[in-house]
Amino acid sequence: MDTYLAATTVGAKRSLADFVVVSQSHDHNAYGHEVGIITFTGTIQGQPVAGMLYVVLGGGYATTINVLSSPDRFDDVVAHEMSFISTATAS
């Protein structure tokens, strides 16, 4: 998981201006599978954004869910969508 998250971070730095990792953690999804979560900030076309990468690995596959929002709405968006996001699987 750590290797995949590191590679994902490198890709995000190339794609998003002013990319900064806010946090990186491990958790488990609704089915008990390990997930990696990176939260970050950056800018897109001069507009500030906050985001989350939610990564599930399994069976040689990866599922990544990306959430982007304005920084002031980020916590509410993640809270609202997490019940869906946490059901992601990879296989």
PDB file of N, CA and C in Angstrom:
ATOM      1  N   MET A   1       0.829  -1.190   0.000  1.00  0.00           N
ATOM      2  CA  MET A   1       0.000   0.000   0.000  1.00  0.00           C
ATOM      3  C   MET A   1       0.876   1.257   0.000  1.00  0.00           C
ATOM      4  N   ASP A   2       1.904   1.277   0.836  1.00  0.00           N
ATOM      5  CA  ASP A   2       2.744   2.480   0.915  1.00  0.00           C
ATOM      6  C   ASP A   2       3.409   2.807  -0.419  1.00  0.00           C
ATOM      7  N   THR A   3       3.840   1.790  -1.151  1.00  0.00           N
ATOM      8  CA  THR A   3       4.462   2.019  -2.456  1.00  0.00           C
ATOM      9  C   THR A   3       3.456   2.618  -3.430  1.00  0.00           C
ATOM     10  N   TYR A   4       2.232   2.099  -3.422  1.00  0.00           N
ATOM     11  CA  TYR A   4       1.199   2.619  -4.320  1.00  0.00           C
ATOM     12  C   TYR A   4       0.844   4.059  -3.953  1.00  0.00           C
ATOM     13  N   LEU A   5       0.730   4.350  -2.658  1.00  0.00           N
ATOM     14  CA  LEU A   5       0.413   5.719  -2.233  1.00  0.00           C
ATOM     15  C   LEU A   5       1.532   6.685  -2.613  1.00  0.00           C
ATOM     16  N   ALA A   6       2.773   6.245  -2.487  1.00  0.00           N
ATOM     17  CA  ALA A   6       3.897   7.110  -2.875  1.00  0.00           C
ATOM     18  C   ALA A   6       3.844   7.414  -4.367  1.00  0.00           C
ATOM     19  N   ALA A   7       3.556   6.407  -5.192  1.00  0.00           N
ATOM     20  CA  ALA A   7       3.464   6.628  -6.635  1.00  0.00           C
ATOM     21  C   ALA A   7       2.287   7.531  -6.974  1.00  0.00           C
ATOM     22  N   THR A   8       1.186   7.356  -6.276  1.00  0.00           N
ATOM     23  CA  THR A   8       0.015   8.207  -6.489  1.00  0.00           C
ATOM     24  C   THR A   8       0.321   9.655  -6.140  1.00  0.00           C
ATOM     25  N   THR A   9       1.075   9.860  -5.083  1.00  0.00           N
ATOM     26  CA  THR A   9       1.462  11.211  -4.675  1.00  0.00           C
ATOM     27  C   THR A   9       2.345  11.867  -5.734  1.00  0.00           C
ATOM     28  N   VAL A  10       3.283  11.114  -6.293  1.00  0.00           N
ATOM     29  CA  VAL A  10       4.146  11.652  -7.359  1.00  0.00           C
ATOM     30  C   VAL A  10       3.285  12.083  -8.545  1.00  0.00           C
ATOM     31  N   GLY A  11       2.322  11.256  -8.944  1.00  0.00           N
ATOM     32  CA  GLY A  11       1.442  11.602 -10.056  1.00  0.00           C
ATOM     33  C   GLY A  11       0.610  12.835  -9.775  1.00  0.00           C
ATOM     34  N   ALA A  12       0.121  12.940  -8.551  1.00  0.00           N
ATOM     35  CA  ALA A  12      -0.699  14.096  -8.184  1.00  0.00           C
ATOM     36  C   ALA A  12       0.128  15.386  -8.207  1.00  0.00           C
ATOM     37  N   LYS A  13       1.378  15.301  -7.771  1.00  0.00           N
ATOM     38  CA  LYS A  13       2.248  16.482  -7.797  1.00  0.00           C
ATOM     39  C   LYS A  13       2.463  16.989  -9.215  1.00  0.00           C
ATOM     40  N   ARG A  14       2.463  16.076 -10.173  1.00  0.00           N
ATOM     41  CA  ARG A  14       2.641  16.461 -11.579  1.00  0.00           C
ATOM     42  C   ARG A  14       1.370  17.077 -12.160  1.00  0.00           C
ATOM     43  N   SER A  15       0.224  16.691 -11.615  1.00  0.00           N
ATOM     44  CA  SER A  15      -1.060  17.096 -12.179  1.00  0.00           C
ATOM     45  C   SER A  15      -1.671  18.325 -11.529  1.00  0.00           C
ATOM     46  N   LEU A  16      -1.281  18.624 -10.316  1.00  0.00           N
ATOM     47  CA  LEU A  16      -1.963  19.647  -9.531  1.00  0.00           C
ATOM     48  C   LEU A  16      -0.960  20.691  -9.051  1.00  0.00           C
ATOM     49  N   ALA A  17      -1.177  21.940  -9.423  1.00  0.00           N
ATOM     50  CA  ALA A  17      -0.282  23.013  -8.983  1.00  0.00           C
ATOM     51  C   ALA A  17      -0.358  23.164  -7.465  1.00  0.00           C
ATOM     52  N   ASP A  18       0.753  23.492  -6.859  1.00  0.00           N
ATOM     53  CA  ASP A  18       0.831  23.763  -5.420  1.00  0.00           C
ATOM     54  C   ASP A  18       0.374  22.576  -4.570  1.00  0.00           C
ATOM     55  N   PHE A  19       0.560  21.359  -5.070  1.00  0.00           N
ATOM     56  CA  PHE A  19       0.128  20.159  -4.351  1.00  0.00           C
ATOM     57  C   PHE A  19       0.861  20.025  -3.018  1.00  0.00           C
ATOM     58  N   VAL A  20       0.095  19.844  -1.937  1.00  0.00           N
ATOM     59  CA  VAL A  20       0.655  19.633  -0.601  1.00  0.00           C
ATOM     60  C   VAL A  20      -0.143  18.531   0.079  1.00  0.00           C
ATOM     61  N   VAL A  21       0.549  17.503   0.574  1.00  0.00           N
ATOM     62  CA  VAL A  21      -0.119  16.456   1.339  1.00  0.00           C
ATOM     63  C   VAL A  21      -0.457  17.014   2.719  1.00  0.00           C
ATOM     64  N   VAL A  22      -1.721  16.899   3.105  1.00  0.00           N
ATOM     65  CA  VAL A  22      -2.172  17.332   4.433  1.00  0.00           C
ATOM     66  C   VAL A  22      -2.060  16.166   5.402  1.00  0.00           C
ATOM     67  N   SER A  23      -2.492  14.978   4.962  1.00  0.00           N
ATOM     68  CA  SER A  23      -2.375  13.788   5.814  1.00  0.00           C
ATOM     69  C   SER A  23      -2.321  12.547   4.943  1.00  0.00           C
ATOM     70  N   GLN A  24      -1.749  11.505   5.499  1.00  0.00           N
ATOM     71  CA  GLN A  24      -1.729  10.198   4.853  1.00  0.00           C
ATOM     72  C   GLN A  24      -1.963   9.169   5.945  1.00  0.00           C
ATOM     73  N   SER A  25      -2.930   8.279   5.704  1.00  0.00           N
ATOM     74  CA  SER A  25      -3.263   7.297   6.732  1.00  0.00           C
ATOM     75  C   SER A  25      -3.725   5.993   6.102  1.00  0.00           C
ATOM     76  N   HIS A  26      -3.844   5.002   6.948  1.00  0.00           N
ATOM     77  CA  HIS A  26      -4.387   3.708   6.566  1.00  0.00           C
ATOM     78  C   HIS A  26      -5.641   3.473   7.400  1.00  0.00           C
ATOM     79  N   ASP A  27      -6.599   2.791   6.802  1.00  0.00           N
ATOM     80  CA  ASP A  27      -7.845   2.475   7.494  1.00  0.00           C
ATOM     81  C   ASP A  27      -8.367   1.182   6.887  1.00  0.00           C
ATOM     82  N   HIS A  28      -9.607   0.860   7.171  1.00  0.00           N
ATOM     83  CA  HIS A  28     -10.255  -0.308   6.570  1.00  0.00           C
ATOM     84  C   HIS A  28     -11.602   0.131   6.022  1.00  0.00           C
ATOM     85  N   ASN A  29     -11.968  -0.454   4.872  1.00  0.00           N
ATOM     86  CA  ASN A  29     -13.254  -0.102   4.275  1.00  0.00           C
ATOM     87  C   ASN A  29     -14.388  -0.874   4.959  1.00  0.00           C
ATOM     88  N   ALA A  30     -15.577  -0.747   4.439  1.00  0.00           N
ATOM     89  CA  ALA A  30     -16.751  -1.382   5.040  1.00  0.00           C
ATOM     90  C   ALA A  30     -16.643  -2.907   5.077  1.00  0.00           C
ATOM     91  N   TYR A  31     -15.770  -3.479   4.235  1.00  0.00           N
ATOM     92  CA  TYR A  31     -15.603  -4.930   4.159  1.00  0.00           C
ATOM     93  C   TYR A  31     -14.351  -5.419   4.871  1.00  0.00           C
ATOM     94  N   GLY A  32     -13.662  -4.518   5.546  1.00  0.00           N
ATOM     95  CA  GLY A  32     -12.467  -4.893   6.288  1.00  0.00           C
ATOM     96  C   GLY A  32     -11.181  -4.888   5.499  1.00  0.00           C
ATOM     97  N   HIS A  33     -11.212  -4.467   4.226  1.00  0.00           N
ATOM     98  CA  HIS A  33     -10.002  -4.399   3.414  1.00  0.00           C
ATOM     99  C   HIS A  33      -9.210  -3.132   3.757  1.00  0.00           C
ATOM    100  N   GLU A  34      -7.897  -3.257   3.733  1.00  0.00           N
ATOM    101  CA  GLU A  34      -7.040  -2.104   4.012  1.00  0.00           C
ATOM    102  C   GLU A  34      -7.186  -1.052   2.925  1.00  0.00           C
ATOM    103  N   VAL A  35      -7.261   0.189   3.331  1.00  0.00           N
ATOM    104  CA  VAL A  35      -7.290   1.312   2.395  1.00  0.00           C
ATOM    105  C   VAL A  35      -6.219   2.317   2.790  1.00  0.00           C
ATOM    106  N   GLY A  36      -5.762   3.054   1.804  1.00  0.00           N
ATOM    107  CA  GLY A  36      -4.858   4.172   2.033  1.00  0.00           C
ATOM    108  C   GLY A  36      -5.595   5.455   1.698  1.00  0.00           C
ATOM    109  N   ILE A  37      -5.408   6.456   2.529  1.00  0.00           N
ATOM    110  CA  ILE A  37      -6.110   7.724   2.332  1.00  0.00           C
ATOM    111  C   ILE A  37      -5.092   8.857   2.369  1.00  0.00           C
ATOM    112  N   ILE A  38      -5.093   9.659   1.320  1.00  0.00           N
ATOM    113  CA  ILE A  38      -4.254  10.861   1.269  1.00  0.00           C
ATOM    114  C   ILE A  38      -5.186  12.056   1.134  1.00  0.00           C
ATOM    115  N   THR A  39      -5.052  13.023   2.021  1.00  0.00           N
ATOM    116  CA  THR A  39      -5.762  14.289   1.838  1.00  0.00           C
ATOM    117  C   THR A  39      -4.730  15.330   1.436  1.00  0.00           C
ATOM    118  N   PHE A  40      -5.177  16.284   0.625  1.00  0.00           N
ATOM    119  CA  PHE A  40      -4.228  17.232   0.050  1.00  0.00           C
ATOM    120  C   PHE A  40      -4.915  18.549  -0.285  1.00  0.00           C
ATOM    121  N   THR A  41      -4.091  19.535  -0.570  1.00  0.00           N
ATOM    122  CA  THR A  41      -4.562  20.811  -1.109  1.00  0.00           C
ATOM    123  C   THR A  41      -3.752  21.117  -2.360  1.00  0.00           C
ATOM    124  N   GLY A  42      -4.272  22.033  -3.154  1.00  0.00           N
ATOM    125  CA  GLY A  42      -3.587  22.458  -4.367  1.00  0.00           C
ATOM    126  C   GLY A  42      -4.410  23.511  -5.077  1.00  0.00           C
ATOM    127  N   THR A  43      -4.058  23.781  -6.307  1.00  0.00           N
ATOM    128  CA  THR A  43      -4.832  24.719  -7.116  1.00  0.00           C
ATOM    129  C   THR A  43      -5.051  24.135  -8.506  1.00  0.00           C
ATOM    130  N   ILE A  44      -6.215  24.453  -9.052  1.00  0.00           N
ATOM    131  CA  ILE A  44      -6.560  24.080 -10.423  1.00  0.00           C
ATOM    132  C   ILE A  44      -6.998  25.355 -11.124  1.00  0.00           C
ATOM    133  N   GLN A  45      -6.290  25.721 -12.177  1.00  0.00           N
ATOM    134  CA  GLN A  45      -6.561  26.946 -12.915  1.00  0.00           C
ATOM    135  C   GLN A  45      -6.700  28.143 -11.969  1.00  0.00           C
ATOM    136  N   GLY A  46      -5.812  28.206 -10.997  1.00  0.00           N
ATOM    137  CA  GLY A  46      -5.776  29.323 -10.060  1.00  0.00           C
ATOM    138  C   GLY A  46      -6.767  29.250  -8.911  1.00  0.00           C
ATOM    139  N   GLN A  47      -7.605  28.234  -8.888  1.00  0.00           N
ATOM    140  CA  GLN A  47      -8.605  28.098  -7.828  1.00  0.00           C
ATOM    141  C   GLN A  47      -8.125  27.097  -6.781  1.00  0.00           C
ATOM    142  N   PRO A  48      -8.195  27.440  -5.493  1.00  0.00           N
ATOM    143  CA  PRO A  48      -7.776  26.496  -4.460  1.00  0.00           C
ATOM    144  C   PRO A  48      -8.742  25.322  -4.365  1.00  0.00           C
ATOM    145  N   VAL A  49      -8.181  24.138  -4.147  1.00  0.00           N
ATOM    146  CA  VAL A  49      -8.979  22.932  -3.959  1.00  0.00           C
ATOM    147  C   VAL A  49      -8.423  22.139  -2.778  1.00  0.00           C
ATOM    148  N   ALA A  50      -9.293  21.340  -2.200  1.00  0.00           N
ATOM    149  CA  ALA A  50      -8.897  20.345  -1.204  1.00  0.00           C
ATOM    150  C   ALA A  50      -9.361  19.013  -1.754  1.00  0.00           C
ATOM    151  N   GLY A  51      -8.607  17.966  -1.479  1.00  0.00           N
ATOM    152  CA  GLY A  51      -8.970  16.684  -2.053  1.00  0.00           C
ATOM    153  C   GLY A  51      -8.581  15.509  -1.200  1.00  0.00           C
ATOM    154  N   MET A  52      -9.105  14.352  -1.609  1.00  0.00           N
ATOM    155  CA  MET A  52      -8.794  13.102  -0.945  1.00  0.00           C
ATOM    156  C   MET A  52      -8.643  12.020  -2.009  1.00  0.00           C
ATOM    157  N   LEU A  53      -7.623  11.205  -1.854  1.00  0.00           N
ATOM    158  CA  LEU A  53      -7.445   9.995  -2.656  1.00  0.00           C
ATOM    159  C   LEU A  53      -7.690   8.826  -1.721  1.00  0.00           C
ATOM    160  N   TYR A  54      -8.639   7.972  -2.083  1.00  0.00           N
ATOM    161  CA  TYR A  54      -9.013   6.814  -1.268  1.00  0.00           C
ATOM    162  C   TYR A  54      -8.672   5.594  -2.103  1.00  0.00           C
ATOM    163  N   VAL A  55      -7.716   4.795  -1.645  1.00  0.00           N
ATOM    164  CA  VAL A  55      -7.154   3.710  -2.452  1.00  0.00           C
ATOM    165  C   VAL A  55      -7.419   2.363  -1.783  1.00  0.00           C
ATOM    166  N   VAL A  56      -7.983   1.434  -2.563  1.00  0.00           N
ATOM    167  CA  VAL A  56      -8.181   0.055  -2.121  1.00  0.00           C
ATOM    168  C   VAL A  56      -7.399  -0.849  -3.069  1.00  0.00           C
ATOM    169  N   LEU A  57      -6.589  -1.742  -2.525  1.00  0.00           N
ATOM    170  CA  LEU A  57      -5.838  -2.695  -3.323  1.00  0.00           C
ATOM    171  C   LEU A  57      -6.368  -4.100  -3.064  1.00  0.00           C
ATOM    172  N   GLY A  58      -6.412  -4.918  -4.118  1.00  0.00           N
ATOM    173  CA  GLY A  58      -6.831  -6.305  -3.946  1.00  0.00           C
ATOM    174  C   GLY A  58      -6.697  -7.086  -5.229  1.00  0.00           C
ATOM    175  N   GLY A  59      -6.201  -8.296  -5.126  1.00  0.00           N
ATOM    176  CA  GLY A  59      -6.105  -9.174  -6.283  1.00  0.00           C
ATOM    177  C   GLY A  59      -5.270  -8.620  -7.417  1.00  0.00           C
ATOM    178  N   GLY A  60      -4.277  -7.809  -7.102  1.00  0.00           N
ATOM    179  CA  GLY A  60      -3.436  -7.226  -8.138  1.00  0.00           C
ATOM    180  C   GLY A  60      -4.035  -6.003  -8.819  1.00  0.00           C
ATOM    181  N   TYR A  61      -5.157  -5.517  -8.306  1.00  0.00           N
ATOM    182  CA  TYR A  61      -5.832  -4.348  -8.875  1.00  0.00           C
ATOM    183  C   TYR A  61      -5.916  -3.239  -7.827  1.00  0.00           C
ATOM    184  N   ALA A  62      -6.111  -2.038  -8.314  1.00  0.00           N
ATOM    185  CA  ALA A  62      -6.305  -0.893  -7.424  1.00  0.00           C
ATOM    186  C   ALA A  62      -7.569  -0.154  -7.834  1.00  0.00           C
ATOM    187  N   THR A  63      -8.294   0.279  -6.850  1.00  0.00           N
ATOM    188  CA  THR A  63      -9.415   1.189  -7.072  1.00  0.00           C
ATOM    189  C   THR A  63      -9.079   2.475  -6.334  1.00  0.00           C
ATOM    190  N   THR A  64      -9.118   3.584  -7.051  1.00  0.00           N
ATOM    191  CA  THR A  64      -8.849   4.881  -6.442  1.00  0.00           C
ATOM    192  C   THR A  64     -10.059   5.776  -6.643  1.00  0.00           C
ATOM    193  N   ILE A  65     -10.540   6.320  -5.555  1.00  0.00           N
ATOM    194  CA  ILE A  65     -11.633   7.287  -5.618  1.00  0.00           C
ATOM    195  C   ILE A  65     -11.035   8.646  -5.276  1.00  0.00           C
ATOM    196  N   ASN A  66     -11.271   9.606  -6.158  1.00  0.00           N
ATOM    197  CA  ASN A  66     -10.770  10.965  -5.967  1.00  0.00           C
ATOM    198  C   ASN A  66     -11.926  11.879  -5.611  1.00  0.00           C
ATOM    199  N   VAL A  67     -11.748  12.654  -4.567  1.00  0.00           N
ATOM    200  CA  VAL A  67     -12.749  13.638  -4.150  1.00  0.00           C
ATOM    201  C   VAL A  67     -12.084  15.004  -4.206  1.00  0.00           C
ATOM    202  N   LEU A  68     -12.680  15.938  -4.909  1.00  0.00           N
ATOM    203  CA  LEU A  68     -12.186  17.319  -4.973  1.00  0.00           C
ATOM    204  C   LEU A  68     -13.302  18.264  -4.581  1.00  0.00           C
ATOM    205  N   SER A  69     -12.947  19.295  -3.868  1.00  0.00           N
ATOM    206  CA  SER A  69     -13.931  20.273  -3.428  1.00  0.00           C
ATOM    207  C   SER A  69     -13.224  21.594  -3.172  1.00  0.00           C
ATOM    208  N   SER A  70     -14.026  22.633  -3.015  1.00  0.00           N
ATOM    209  CA  SER A  70     -13.448  23.875  -2.511  1.00  0.00           C
ATOM    210  C   SER A  70     -13.042  23.601  -1.059  1.00  0.00           C
ATOM    211  N   PRO A  71     -11.978  24.226  -0.587  1.00  0.00           N
ATOM    212  CA  PRO A  71     -11.509  23.958   0.772  1.00  0.00           C
ATOM    213  C   PRO A  71     -12.581  24.165   1.852  1.00  0.00           C
ATOM    214  N   ASP A  72     -13.442  25.149   1.672  1.00  0.00           N
ATOM    215  CA  ASP A  72     -14.443  25.421   2.703  1.00  0.00           C
ATOM    216  C   ASP A  72     -15.551  24.370   2.765  1.00  0.00           C
ATOM    217  N   ARG A  73     -15.719  23.580   1.718  1.00  0.00           N
ATOM    218  CA  ARG A  73     -16.759  22.538   1.690  1.00  0.00           C
ATOM    219  C   ARG A  73     -16.200  21.130   1.835  1.00  0.00           C
ATOM    220  N   PHE A  74     -14.885  20.983   1.840  1.00  0.00           N
ATOM    221  CA  PHE A  74     -14.260  19.664   1.783  1.00  0.00           C
ATOM    222  C   PHE A  74     -14.740  18.723   2.887  1.00  0.00           C
ATOM    223  N   ASP A  75     -14.693  19.144   4.129  1.00  0.00           N
ATOM    224  CA  ASP A  75     -15.090  18.254   5.230  1.00  0.00           C
ATOM    225  C   ASP A  75     -16.530  17.791   5.086  1.00  0.00           C
ATOM    226  N   ASP A  76     -17.425  18.683   4.698  1.00  0.00           N
ATOM    227  CA  ASP A  76     -18.827  18.303   4.512  1.00  0.00           C
ATOM    228  C   ASP A  76     -19.003  17.326   3.352  1.00  0.00           C
ATOM    229  N   VAL A  77     -18.293  17.554   2.253  1.00  0.00           N
ATOM    230  CA  VAL A  77     -18.400  16.664   1.100  1.00  0.00           C
ATOM    231  C   VAL A  77     -17.909  15.263   1.466  1.00  0.00           C
ATOM    232  N   VAL A  78     -16.765  15.169   2.112  1.00  0.00           N
ATOM    233  CA  VAL A  78     -16.231  13.862   2.499  1.00  0.00           C
ATOM    234  C   VAL A  78     -17.176  13.168   3.471  1.00  0.00           C
ATOM    235  N   ALA A  79     -17.677  13.884   4.458  1.00  0.00           N
ATOM    236  CA  ALA A  79     -18.602  13.282   5.426  1.00  0.00           C
ATOM    237  C   ALA A  79     -19.856  12.757   4.729  1.00  0.00           C
ATOM    238  N   HIS A  80     -20.358  13.504   3.771  1.00  0.00           N
ATOM    239  CA  HIS A  80     -21.577  13.106   3.058  1.00  0.00           C
ATOM    240  C   HIS A  80     -21.351  11.880   2.183  1.00  0.00           C
ATOM    241  N   GLU A  81     -20.187  11.775   1.546  1.00  0.00           N
ATOM    242  CA  GLU A  81     -19.917  10.715   0.579  1.00  0.00           C
ATOM    243  C   GLU A  81     -19.217   9.490   1.157  1.00  0.00           C
ATOM    244  N   MET A  82     -18.712   9.558   2.384  1.00  0.00           N
ATOM    245  CA  MET A  82     -17.898   8.465   2.908  1.00  0.00           C
ATOM    246  C   MET A  82     -18.654   7.147   3.020  1.00  0.00           C
ATOM    247  N   SER A  83     -19.938   7.170   3.263  1.00  0.00           N
ATOM    248  CA  SER A  83     -20.674   5.897   3.349  1.00  0.00           C
ATOM    249  C   SER A  83     -20.636   5.164   2.006  1.00  0.00           C
ATOM    250  N   PHE A  84     -20.649   5.894   0.910  1.00  0.00           N
ATOM    251  CA  PHE A  84     -20.491   5.284  -0.410  1.00  0.00           C
ATOM    252  C   PHE A  84     -19.043   4.919  -0.690  1.00  0.00           C
ATOM    253  N   ILE A  85     -18.136   5.850  -0.434  1.00  0.00           N
ATOM    254  CA  ILE A  85     -16.714   5.642  -0.731  1.00  0.00           C
ATOM    255  C   ILE A  85     -16.193   4.414  -0.006  1.00  0.00           C
ATOM    256  N   SER A  86     -16.612   4.211   1.222  1.00  0.00           N
ATOM    257  CA  SER A  86     -16.065   3.106   2.021  1.00  0.00           C
ATOM    258  C   SER A  86     -16.516   1.722   1.548  1.00  0.00           C
ATOM    259  N   THR A  87     -17.386   1.667   0.540  1.00  0.00           N
ATOM    260  CA  THR A  87     -17.790   0.370  -0.010  1.00  0.00           C
ATOM    261  C   THR A  87     -16.961  -0.024  -1.230  1.00  0.00           C
ATOM    262  N   ALA A  88     -16.000   0.797  -1.611  1.00  0.00           N
ATOM    263  CA  ALA A  88     -15.167   0.493  -2.784  1.00  0.00           C
ATOM    264  C   ALA A  88     -14.328  -0.755  -2.518  1.00  0.00           C
ATOM    265  N   THR A  89     -14.197  -1.582  -3.548  1.00  0.00           N
ATOM    266  CA  THR A  89     -13.365  -2.768  -3.472  1.00  0.00           C
ATOM    267  C   THR A  89     -12.481  -2.843  -4.712  1.00  0.00           C
ATOM    268  N   ALA A  90     -11.488  -3.698  -4.668  1.00  0.00           N
ATOM    269  CA  ALA A  90     -10.621  -3.931  -5.825  1.00  0.00           C
ATOM    270  C   ALA A  90     -10.389  -5.431  -5.921  1.00  0.00           C
ATOM    271  N   SER A  91     -10.627  -5.975  -7.103  1.00  0.00           N
ATOM    272  CA  SER A  91     -10.335  -7.397  -7.332  1.00  0.00           C
ATOM    273  C   SER A  91     -10.524  -7.737  -8.789  1.00  0.00           C
TER     274      SER A  91
END
